[in-house]
C-alpha atoms as a PDB file:
ATOM      1  CA  UNK A   1      84.742  40.114 -16.260  1.00  0.00           C
ATOM      2  CA  UNK A   2      87.355  43.446 -16.095  1.00  0.00           C
ATOM      3  CA  UNK A   3      91.003  42.238 -16.585  1.00  0.00           C
ATOM      4  CA  UNK A   4      92.128  41.670 -13.441  1.00  0.00           C
ATOM      5  CA  UNK A   5      89.439  39.389 -12.461  1.00  0.00           C
ATOM      6  CA  UNK A   6      90.286  37.540 -15.533  1.00  0.00           C
ATOM      7  CA  UNK A   7      93.934  36.972 -14.658  1.00  0.00           C
ATOM      8  CA  UNK A   8      93.130  35.945 -11.099  1.00  0.00           C
ATOM      9  CA  UNK A   9      90.467  33.343 -12.419  1.00  0.00           C
ATOM     10  CA  UNK A  10      93.246  32.162 -15.431  1.00  0.00           C
ATOM     11  CA  UNK A  11      95.720  32.089 -12.200  1.00  0.00           C
ATOM     12  CA  UNK A  12      93.513  29.620 -10.149  1.00  0.00           C
ATOM     13  CA  UNK A  13      93.033  27.515 -13.093  1.00  0.00           C
ATOM     14  CA  UNK A  14      96.759  26.758 -13.760  1.00  0.00           C
ATOM     15  CA  UNK A  15      96.923  26.483  -9.709  1.00  0.00           C
ATOM     16  CA  UNK A  16      94.044  23.904 -10.223  1.00  0.00           C
ATOM     17  CA  UNK A  17      95.515  22.164 -13.210  1.00  0.00           C
ATOM     18  CA  UNK A  18      98.698  21.909 -12.643  1.00  0.00           C
ATOM     19  CA  UNK A  19      98.303  20.876  -8.883  1.00  0.00           C
ATOM     20  CA  UNK A  20      95.641  17.767 -10.088  1.00  0.00           C
ATOM     21  CA  UNK A  21      98.407  16.505 -12.388  1.00  0.00           C
ATOM     22  CA  UNK A  22     101.073  16.726  -9.476  1.00  0.00           C
ATOM     23  CA  UNK A  23      98.436  15.101  -7.306  1.00  0.00           C
ATOM     24  CA  UNK A  24      97.739  12.012 -10.249  1.00  0.00           C
ATOM     25  CA  UNK A  25     101.376  11.495 -10.642  1.00  0.00           C
ATOM     26  CA  UNK A  26     101.841  11.338  -7.310  1.00  0.00           C
ATOM     27  CA  UNK A  27      99.138   8.706  -6.863  1.00  0.00           C
ATOM     28  CA  UNK A  28     100.755   6.488 -10.047  1.00  0.00           C
ATOM     29  CA  UNK A  29     103.965   5.928  -7.384  1.00  0.00           C
ATOM     30  CA  UNK A  30     102.195   5.402  -4.175  1.00  0.00           C
ATOM     31  CA  UNK A  31     101.287   2.627  -2.263  1.00  0.00           C
ATOM     32  CA  UNK A  32      97.922   1.429  -2.887  1.00  0.00           C
ATOM     33  CA  UNK A  33      95.721   3.279  -0.049  1.00  0.00           C
ATOM     34  CA  UNK A  34      97.585   6.563  -1.016  1.00  0.00           C
ATOM     35  CA  UNK A  35      97.364   6.226  -4.949  1.00  0.00           C
ATOM     36  CA  UNK A  36      93.504   5.450  -4.021  1.00  0.00           C
ATOM     37  CA  UNK A  37      93.493   8.657  -2.257  1.00  0.00           C
ATOM     38  CA  UNK A  38      95.807  10.839  -4.575  1.00  0.00           C
ATOM     39  CA  UNK A  39      93.805   9.851  -7.484  1.00  0.00           C
ATOM     40  CA  UNK A  40      90.291  11.001  -6.295  1.00  0.00           C
ATOM     41  CA  UNK A  41      91.305  13.993  -4.705  1.00  0.00           C
ATOM     42  CA  UNK A  42      93.376  14.263  -8.511  1.00  0.00           C
ATOM     43  CA  UNK A  43      90.126  13.724 -10.285  1.00  0.00           C
ATOM     44  CA  UNK A  44      88.256  16.398  -8.078  1.00  0.00           C
ATOM     45  CA  UNK A  45      91.327  19.335  -8.521  1.00  0.00           C
ATOM     46  CA  UNK A  46      91.067  18.549 -12.202  1.00  0.00           C
ATOM     47  CA  UNK A  47      87.190  18.830 -12.326  1.00  0.00           C
ATOM     48  CA  UNK A  48      87.268  21.980  -9.968  1.00  0.00           C
ATOM     49  CA  UNK A  49      89.796  23.265 -13.013  1.00  0.00           C
ATOM     50  CA  UNK A  50      87.703  22.624 -15.795  1.00  0.00           C
ATOM     51  CA  UNK A  51      84.629  24.094 -13.986  1.00  0.00           C
ATOM     52  CA  UNK A  52      86.837  27.600 -13.219  1.00  0.00           C
ATOM     53  CA  UNK A  53      88.077  28.005 -16.799  1.00  0.00           C
ATOM     54  CA  UNK A  54      84.732  27.083 -18.511  1.00  0.00           C
ATOM     55  CA  UNK A  55      82.365  29.114 -16.326  1.00  0.00           C
ATOM     56  CA  UNK A  56      83.170  32.514 -17.054  1.00  0.00           C
ATOM     57  CA  UNK A  57      81.481  33.946 -20.349  1.00  0.00           C
ATOM     58  CA  UNK A  58      84.875  35.331 -21.815  1.00  0.00           C
ATOM     59  CA  UNK A  59      86.771  34.628 -25.225  1.00  0.00           C
ATOM     60  CA  UNK A  60      88.893  32.286 -24.219  1.00  0.00           C
ATOM     61  CA  UNK A  61      90.688  31.614 -27.388  1.00  0.00           C
ATOM     62  CA  UNK A  62      92.083  35.801 -26.667  1.00  0.00           C
ATOM     63  CA  UNK A  63      93.187  34.633 -23.000  1.00  0.00           C
ATOM     64  CA  UNK A  64      95.214  31.231 -24.096  1.00  0.00           C
ATOM     65  CA  UNK A  65      98.225  33.126 -24.391  1.00  0.00           C
ATOM     66  CA  UNK A  66      98.586  34.020 -20.768  1.00  0.00           C
ATOM     67  CA  UNK A  67      96.938  31.051 -19.472  1.00  0.00           C
ATOM     68  CA  UNK A  68      99.776  28.824 -20.786  1.00  0.00           C
ATOM     69  CA  UNK A  69     102.431  31.046 -19.362  1.00  0.00           C
ATOM     70  CA  UNK A  70     100.455  31.151 -15.836  1.00  0.00           C
ATOM     71  CA  UNK A  71     100.430  26.726 -16.317  1.00  0.00           C
ATOM     72  CA  UNK A  72     103.729  27.054 -17.031  1.00  0.00           C
ATOM     73  CA  UNK A  73     105.027  29.151 -14.114  1.00  0.00           C
ATOM     74  CA  UNK A  74     102.657  26.993 -11.908  1.00  0.00           C
ATOM     75  CA  UNK A  75     104.108  23.776 -13.122  1.00  0.00           C
ATOM     76  CA  UNK A  76     107.467  24.594 -12.813  1.00  0.00           C
ATOM     77  CA  UNK A  77     106.959  25.692  -9.058  1.00  0.00           C
ATOM     78  CA  UNK A  78     105.339  22.684  -8.390  1.00  0.00           C
ATOM     79  CA  UNK A  79     107.897  20.659 -10.264  1.00  0.00           C
ATOM     80  CA  UNK A  80     110.710  21.943  -7.796  1.00  0.00           C
ATOM     81  CA  UNK A  81     108.705  22.487  -3.796  1.00  0.00           C
ATOM     82  CA  UNK A  82     106.666  19.303  -4.540  1.00  0.00           C
ATOM     83  CA  UNK A  83     109.290  16.833  -6.561  1.00  0.00           C
ATOM     84  CA  UNK A  84     112.314  18.675  -5.720  1.00  0.00           C
ATOM     85  CA  UNK A  85     113.494  18.580  -9.850  1.00  0.00           C
ATOM     86  CA  UNK A  86     115.361  22.142 -10.697  1.00  0.00           C
ATOM     87  CA  UNK A  87     114.252  23.474 -14.433  1.00  0.00           C
ATOM     88  CA  UNK A  88     117.231  22.370 -16.959  1.00  0.00           C
ATOM     89  CA  UNK A  89     118.746  25.360 -18.798  1.00  0.00           C
ATOM     90  CA  UNK A  90     116.390  23.718 -22.075  1.00  0.00           C
ATOM     91  CA  UNK A  91     112.929  24.262 -19.704  1.00  0.00           C
ATOM     92  CA  UNK A  92     114.525  27.769 -19.047  1.00  0.00           C
ATOM     93  CA  UNK A  93     114.772  28.818 -22.857  1.00  0.00           C
ATOM     94  CA  UNK A  94     111.570  27.320 -23.476  1.00  0.00           C
ATOM     95  CA  UNK A  95     109.912  28.367 -20.806  1.00  0.00           C
ATOM     96  CA  UNK A  96     111.279  31.942 -21.582  1.00  0.00           C
ATOM     97  CA  UNK A  97     109.897  31.209 -25.071  1.00  0.00           C
ATOM     98  CA  UNK A  98     106.442  30.552 -23.914  1.00  0.00           C
ATOM     99  CA  UNK A  99     106.345  33.525 -21.799  1.00  0.00           C
ATOM    100  CA  UNK A 100     107.088  35.569 -24.521  1.00  0.00           C
ATOM    101  CA  UNK A 101     104.700  33.765 -26.930  1.00  0.00           C
ATOM    102  CA  UNK A 102     102.095  34.632 -24.179  1.00  0.00           C
ATOM    103  CA  UNK A 103     102.626  38.125 -24.206  1.00  0.00           C
ATOM    104  CA  UNK A 104     102.749  38.163 -27.678  1.00  0.00           C
ATOM    105  CA  UNK A 105      99.204  36.511 -28.383  1.00  0.00           C
ATOM    106  CA  UNK A 106      97.657  38.161 -25.675  1.00  0.00           C
ATOM    107  CA  UNK A 107      98.978  41.848 -26.162  1.00  0.00           C
ATOM    108  CA  UNK A 108      99.639  42.243 -29.448  1.00  0.00           C
ATOM    109  CA  UNK A 109      97.052  43.720 -32.040  1.00  0.00           C
ATOM    110  CA  UNK A 110      96.616  43.174 -35.324  1.00  0.00           C
END
């Protein structure tokens, strides 16, 4: 798998994981009928995440740094767009450390 394809798969996996988590969160605070629908859909999306991230034959540990960055950025976007919660200064500072750490893990060679 080339680098561009691996990055796309990791981005899709981050979208699925954060999206599935958001659906579960929405289900926890919904009426009974919506709760069931959100929970089932969230479970299916999280299953798709698990398949997507584990199907390729790659060294996931090597790519983990970039995945964590994608997950953080996608989760913050969903938090803002779906739940209307802006990131706090602490999240922005910590998030910048996540991004720097992910880049270091992925691109620094020993």
